[in-house]
Amino acid sequence: MCKPTDMPKPAGAAEEDHQWHAMTYQEAASVLGLSKDIRQQGLSTAEAKQRFEQYGPNQLSEKESKTLLQRIWAQVANVLVGILVFVAVVSLIKGIISDGQSRVTNFIEVGLITF
């Protein structure tokens, strides 16, 4: 698959990159070497085949997809989440070693922190 930086330059184009989004239709057509009536006539089969061979298929490059683990990690990989996990673990340990009412309170704290 071609990336924008890998694509060959159009015939007659200067070596610098063009800002295609900022060009008028006429400017872009002249850089690509198209005739003025291209919108009415279209490309011939031979010319379309030649441009396909020169530039490749007319498609956007696909963005690299992220795995589920990468997306989850992106959500939880920050300091505040780390602090919350630490506090939840401390409350869990405190709830395990304590007894009575404070045990229930500590388990409730763990539940609130994790949700």
Protein backbone atom coordinates (compact mmCIF):
# COMPACT_ATOMS: atom_id res chain seq x y z
CA MET A 1 0.00 0.00 0.00
CA CYS A 2 1.32 3.43 -0.88
CA LYS A 3 1.81 5.99 1.80
CA PRO A 4 1.61 9.67 0.85
CA THR A 5 5.38 9.99 1.17
CA ASP A 6 5.94 6.91 -1.02
CA MET A 7 3.80 8.09 -3.91
CA PRO A 8 5.61 9.07 -7.08
CA LYS A 9 5.44 12.67 -8.24
CA PRO A 10 3.13 13.50 -11.16
CA ALA A 11 4.74 14.10 -14.51
CA GLY A 12 5.71 17.73 -14.80
CA ALA A 13 5.43 18.32 -11.07
CA ALA A 14 8.17 20.09 -9.21
CA GLU A 15 10.17 18.15 -6.64
CA GLU A 16 8.60 19.99 -3.69
CA ASP A 17 5.41 18.67 -2.12
CA HIS A 18 2.22 20.27 -3.32
CA GLN A 19 -0.49 21.48 -1.02
CA TRP A 20 -3.31 19.92 -3.00
CA HIS A 21 -5.97 21.04 -0.54
CA ALA A 22 -5.07 24.68 -1.11
CA MET A 23 -5.00 24.55 -4.94
CA THR A 24 -7.80 25.54 -7.22
CA TYR A 25 -9.17 22.98 -9.65
CA GLN A 26 -7.30 24.60 -12.54
CA GLU A 27 -3.98 24.62 -10.67
CA ALA A 28 -4.28 20.98 -9.70
CA ALA A 29 -5.28 19.98 -13.23
CA SER A 30 -2.29 21.79 -14.74
CA VAL A 31 0.15 20.18 -12.26
CA LEU A 32 -1.27 16.75 -13.11
CA GLY A 33 -1.13 17.46 -16.84
CA LEU A 34 -4.86 17.20 -17.42
CA SER A 35 -6.72 18.86 -20.27
CA LYS A 36 -9.16 21.68 -19.58
CA ASP A 37 -12.17 19.55 -20.58
CA ILE A 38 -11.25 16.60 -18.36
CA ARG A 39 -14.47 16.98 -16.36
CA GLN A 40 -16.59 16.50 -19.46
CA GLN A 41 -14.45 13.92 -21.28
CA GLY A 42 -12.85 11.94 -18.45
CA LEU A 43 -9.74 9.83 -18.86
CA SER A 44 -9.32 7.37 -21.68
CA THR A 45 -8.86 3.73 -20.72
CA ALA A 46 -5.20 3.84 -21.72
CA GLU A 47 -4.57 7.02 -19.74
CA ALA A 48 -6.39 5.61 -16.69
CA LYS A 49 -4.29 2.45 -16.88
CA GLN A 50 -1.08 4.48 -17.23
CA ARG A 51 -2.00 6.64 -14.20
CA PHE A 52 -2.92 3.54 -12.20
CA GLU A 53 0.49 2.05 -12.92
CA GLN A 54 2.21 5.35 -12.11
CA TYR A 55 0.31 6.33 -8.94
CA GLY A 56 -1.27 3.08 -7.74
CA PRO A 57 -4.88 2.55 -6.68
CA ASN A 58 -7.02 5.51 -5.67
CA GLN A 59 -7.35 4.70 -2.00
CA LEU A 60 -6.39 6.17 1.33
CA SER A 61 -3.76 4.45 3.39
CA GLU A 62 -5.30 2.68 6.36
CA LYS A 63 -4.47 3.74 9.87
CA GLU A 64 -2.82 1.06 11.97
CA SER A 65 -5.53 -0.51 14.09
CA LYS A 66 -5.04 -0.86 17.82
CA THR A 67 -5.66 -4.09 19.69
CA LEU A 68 -8.10 -4.26 22.57
CA LEU A 69 -5.23 -4.39 25.06
CA GLN A 70 -3.63 -1.28 23.56
CA ARG A 71 -6.92 0.62 23.82
CA ILE A 72 -7.45 -0.46 27.44
CA TRP A 73 -3.85 0.48 28.32
CA ALA A 74 -4.31 3.91 26.74
CA GLN A 75 -7.29 4.48 29.03
CA VAL A 76 -5.65 3.41 32.29
CA ALA A 77 -2.03 4.41 31.78
CA ASN A 78 -1.85 7.57 33.86
CA VAL A 79 -0.84 8.58 37.35
CA LEU A 80 -4.32 9.16 38.74
CA VAL A 81 -5.47 5.67 37.82
CA GLY A 82 -2.31 4.28 39.42
CA ILE A 83 -3.06 6.17 42.63
CA LEU A 84 -6.63 4.85 42.66
CA VAL A 85 -5.42 1.27 42.18
CA PHE A 86 -2.91 1.71 44.99
CA VAL A 87 -5.56 3.10 47.35
CA ALA A 88 -7.92 0.25 46.43
CA VAL A 89 -5.24 -2.34 47.20
CA VAL A 90 -4.43 -0.67 50.53
CA SER A 91 -8.14 -0.59 51.45
CA LEU A 92 -8.52 -4.24 50.45
CA ILE A 93 -5.57 -5.31 52.59
CA LYS A 94 -6.83 -3.17 55.46
CA GLY A 95 -10.28 -4.78 55.09
CA ILE A 96 -8.81 -8.29 55.15
CA ILE A 97 -6.75 -7.75 58.30
CA SER A 98 -9.40 -5.75 60.21
CA ASP A 99 -12.63 -7.02 61.70
CA GLY A 100 -16.13 -5.85 62.42
CA GLN A 101 -17.60 -2.63 61.05
CA SER A 102 -14.30 -1.30 59.65
CA ARG A 103 -13.97 -4.44 57.49
CA VAL A 104 -17.28 -3.72 55.78
CA THR A 105 -16.35 -0.06 55.39
CA ASN A 106 -13.03 -0.95 53.78
CA PHE A 107 -14.68 -3.35 51.32
CA ILE A 108 -17.21 -0.64 50.44
CA GLU A 109 -14.31 1.75 49.82
CA VAL A 110 -12.68 -0.80 47.49
CA GLY A 111 -15.96 -1.19 45.62
CA LEU A 112 -16.40 2.56 45.24
CA ILE A 113 -12.82 3.07 44.08
CA THR A 114 -12.97 0.32 41.47
CA PHE A 115 -16.27 1.47 40.04
